Structure formats: C-alpha cells, structure tokens
Amino acid sequence: MPQELVPWLIALGIFGLLVIIQVAVKAKKPVQRAAGGVLVGLCALLAVNVTGAFTGVSLPLSPLAIGVAGTAGLPGVTLLLLMNLLLGA
C-alpha cells in the first residue's frame, strides 16, 4: 500500500466511526450529522487562528490539533484552547 494513502484511510476510518456513533444514537441523518460535526470543529480551529492576531490566542496547525478538531468538533477545540492556557504551550 502506498504511504501517501495511509492518512486518507485513517481519516476515512475515523469518519466511519463517527457515522456509526450517529447511527447508534439514532440520528435522523447520521452522515450529515457526522460531516457537520467535523466541519464545525475545523471551522472553529480556523476561526481561533484567524482571530489570533487580535486576541493573542492561537493554536498550532499540527496533525494532532486538526485530528482533535475534526473528531471532537467544537468541544475538542475548546479542550485544545484550555490545554494551551493551562500548559502554556
């Protein structure tokens, strides 16, 4: 398997798990809910970094931060901000 395909397969697997969770909680449109959660998390991460020039708060764009924001959504970005504040990274 080509190495450049591995991150895409991991992302697809995580998205599949998010869809399965939405099916388990009996969401009416599980794929749309999972995709919406991912989009909200990534947009929140983008908003934090865009407004960082004004607020002085920014998060580094690393694979971990993008993964947490995409998987956990808005609570994940909030957790990243809290960890940034507490740990002073």
C-alpha atoms as a PDB file:
ATOM      1  CA  MET A   1       0.000   0.000   0.000  1.00  0.00           C
ATOM      2  CA  PRO A   2       1.397   3.446  -0.891  1.00  0.00           C
ATOM      3  CA  GLN A   3       2.410   5.515   2.131  1.00  0.00           C
ATOM      4  CA  GLU A   4       0.533   8.638   0.941  1.00  0.00           C
ATOM      5  CA  LEU A   5      -2.716   6.660   1.079  1.00  0.00           C
ATOM      6  CA  VAL A   6      -2.416   5.783   4.792  1.00  0.00           C
ATOM      7  CA  PRO A   7      -3.533   9.176   6.260  1.00  0.00           C
ATOM      8  CA  TRP A   8      -6.578   9.211   3.979  1.00  0.00           C
ATOM      9  CA  LEU A   9      -7.550   5.703   5.052  1.00  0.00           C
ATOM     10  CA  ILE A  10      -7.178   6.661   8.715  1.00  0.00           C
ATOM     11  CA  ALA A  11      -9.342   9.762   8.189  1.00  0.00           C
ATOM     12  CA  LEU A  12     -11.961   7.687   6.364  1.00  0.00           C
ATOM     13  CA  GLY A  13     -11.972   5.140   9.188  1.00  0.00           C
ATOM     14  CA  ILE A  14     -12.454   7.833  11.836  1.00  0.00           C
ATOM     15  CA  PHE A  15     -15.281   9.382   9.804  1.00  0.00           C
ATOM     16  CA  GLY A  16     -16.860   5.928   9.528  1.00  0.00           C
ATOM     17  CA  LEU A  17     -16.712   5.579  13.314  1.00  0.00           C
ATOM     18  CA  LEU A  18     -18.384   8.980  13.703  1.00  0.00           C
ATOM     19  CA  VAL A  19     -21.177   7.845  11.376  1.00  0.00           C
ATOM     20  CA  ILE A  20     -21.581   4.611  13.358  1.00  0.00           C
ATOM     21  CA  ILE A  21     -21.880   6.634  16.572  1.00  0.00           C
ATOM     22  CA  GLN A  22     -24.585   8.776  14.961  1.00  0.00           C
ATOM     23  CA  VAL A  23     -26.434   5.630  13.856  1.00  0.00           C
ATOM     24  CA  ALA A  24     -26.164   4.213  17.386  1.00  0.00           C
ATOM     25  CA  VAL A  25     -27.789   7.313  18.892  1.00  0.00           C
ATOM     26  CA  LYS A  26     -30.496   7.072  16.211  1.00  0.00           C
ATOM     27  CA  ALA A  27     -29.795  10.362  14.448  1.00  0.00           C
ATOM     28  CA  LYS A  28     -32.131  11.028  11.519  1.00  0.00           C
ATOM     29  CA  LYS A  29     -29.288  11.833   9.085  1.00  0.00           C
ATOM     30  CA  PRO A  30     -26.127  10.235  10.525  1.00  0.00           C
ATOM     31  CA  VAL A  31     -23.745  11.046   7.656  1.00  0.00           C
ATOM     32  CA  GLN A  32     -24.808  14.698   7.583  1.00  0.00           C
ATOM     33  CA  ARG A  33     -24.520  14.972  11.375  1.00  0.00           C
ATOM     34  CA  ALA A  34     -21.031  13.442  11.365  1.00  0.00           C
ATOM     35  CA  ALA A  35     -19.896  15.663   8.484  1.00  0.00           C
ATOM     36  CA  GLY A  36     -21.408  18.692  10.221  1.00  0.00           C
ATOM     37  CA  GLY A  37     -19.507  17.961  13.416  1.00  0.00           C
ATOM     38  CA  VAL A  38     -16.236  17.659  11.515  1.00  0.00           C
ATOM     39  CA  LEU A  39     -16.909  20.910   9.634  1.00  0.00           C
ATOM     40  CA  VAL A  40     -17.836  22.809  12.797  1.00  0.00           C
ATOM     41  CA  GLY A  41     -14.647  21.655  14.523  1.00  0.00           C
ATOM     42  CA  LEU A  42     -12.390  22.578  11.629  1.00  0.00           C
ATOM     43  CA  CYS A  43     -14.119  25.953  11.184  1.00  0.00           C
ATOM     44  CA  ALA A  44     -13.712  26.651  14.902  1.00  0.00           C
ATOM     45  CA  LEU A  45      -9.998  25.858  14.664  1.00  0.00           C
ATOM     46  CA  LEU A  46      -9.739  28.168  11.655  1.00  0.00           C
ATOM     47  CA  ALA A  47     -11.639  30.918  13.490  1.00  0.00           C
ATOM     48  CA  VAL A  48      -9.327  30.677  16.504  1.00  0.00           C
ATOM     49  CA  ASN A  49      -6.268  31.036  14.283  1.00  0.00           C
ATOM     50  CA  VAL A  50      -7.715  33.846  12.150  1.00  0.00           C
ATOM     51  CA  THR A  51      -8.681  35.888  15.197  1.00  0.00           C
ATOM     52  CA  GLY A  52      -5.360  35.083  16.882  1.00  0.00           C
ATOM     53  CA  ALA A  53      -3.847  38.340  15.618  1.00  0.00           C
ATOM     54  CA  PHE A  54      -6.483  40.286  17.559  1.00  0.00           C
ATOM     55  CA  THR A  55      -6.827  38.108  20.650  1.00  0.00           C
ATOM     56  CA  GLY A  56      -3.280  36.847  21.053  1.00  0.00           C
ATOM     57  CA  VAL A  57      -4.585  33.269  21.271  1.00  0.00           C
ATOM     58  CA  SER A  58      -3.741  30.795  18.530  1.00  0.00           C
ATOM     59  CA  LEU A  59      -3.336  27.065  18.154  1.00  0.00           C
ATOM     60  CA  PRO A  60      -0.631  25.439  16.060  1.00  0.00           C
ATOM     61  CA  LEU A  61      -1.912  23.607  12.994  1.00  0.00           C
ATOM     62  CA  SER A  62      -0.495  20.164  13.644  1.00  0.00           C
ATOM     63  CA  PRO A  63      -1.958  16.798  12.638  1.00  0.00           C
ATOM     64  CA  LEU A  64      -2.964  16.290  16.276  1.00  0.00           C
ATOM     65  CA  ALA A  65      -4.831  19.617  16.519  1.00  0.00           C
ATOM     66  CA  ILE A  66      -6.577  19.041  13.195  1.00  0.00           C
ATOM     67  CA  GLY A  67      -7.491  15.494  14.235  1.00  0.00           C
ATOM     68  CA  VAL A  68      -8.900  16.583  17.590  1.00  0.00           C
ATOM     69  CA  ALA A  69     -10.839  19.450  15.999  1.00  0.00           C
ATOM     70  CA  GLY A  70     -12.233  17.189  13.282  1.00  0.00           C
ATOM     71  CA  THR A  71     -13.105  14.297  15.563  1.00  0.00           C
ATOM     72  CA  ALA A  72     -14.371  16.072  18.676  1.00  0.00           C
ATOM     73  CA  GLY A  73     -15.705  19.198  16.969  1.00  0.00           C
ATOM     74  CA  LEU A  74     -16.258  22.355  18.980  1.00  0.00           C
ATOM     75  CA  PRO A  75     -15.642  20.690  22.373  1.00  0.00           C
ATOM     76  CA  GLY A  76     -12.308  19.452  21.013  1.00  0.00           C
ATOM     77  CA  VAL A  77     -11.229  22.957  20.019  1.00  0.00           C
ATOM     78  CA  THR A  78     -12.324  24.216  23.421  1.00  0.00           C
ATOM     79  CA  LEU A  79     -10.220  21.479  25.043  1.00  0.00           C
ATOM     80  CA  LEU A  80      -7.223  22.448  22.919  1.00  0.00           C
ATOM     81  CA  LEU A  81      -7.613  26.091  23.964  1.00  0.00           C
ATOM     82  CA  LEU A  82      -7.908  25.102  27.632  1.00  0.00           C
ATOM     83  CA  MET A  83      -4.807  22.920  27.409  1.00  0.00           C
ATOM     84  CA  ASN A  84      -2.957  25.752  25.681  1.00  0.00           C
ATOM     85  CA  LEU A  85      -3.945  28.079  28.522  1.00  0.00           C
ATOM     86  CA  LEU A  86      -3.125  25.659  31.346  1.00  0.00           C
ATOM     87  CA  LEU A  87       0.090  24.214  29.965  1.00  0.00           C
ATOM     88  CA  GLY A  88       1.345  27.461  28.457  1.00  0.00           C
ATOM     89  CA  ALA A  89       2.431  25.781  25.248  1.00  0.00           C
END
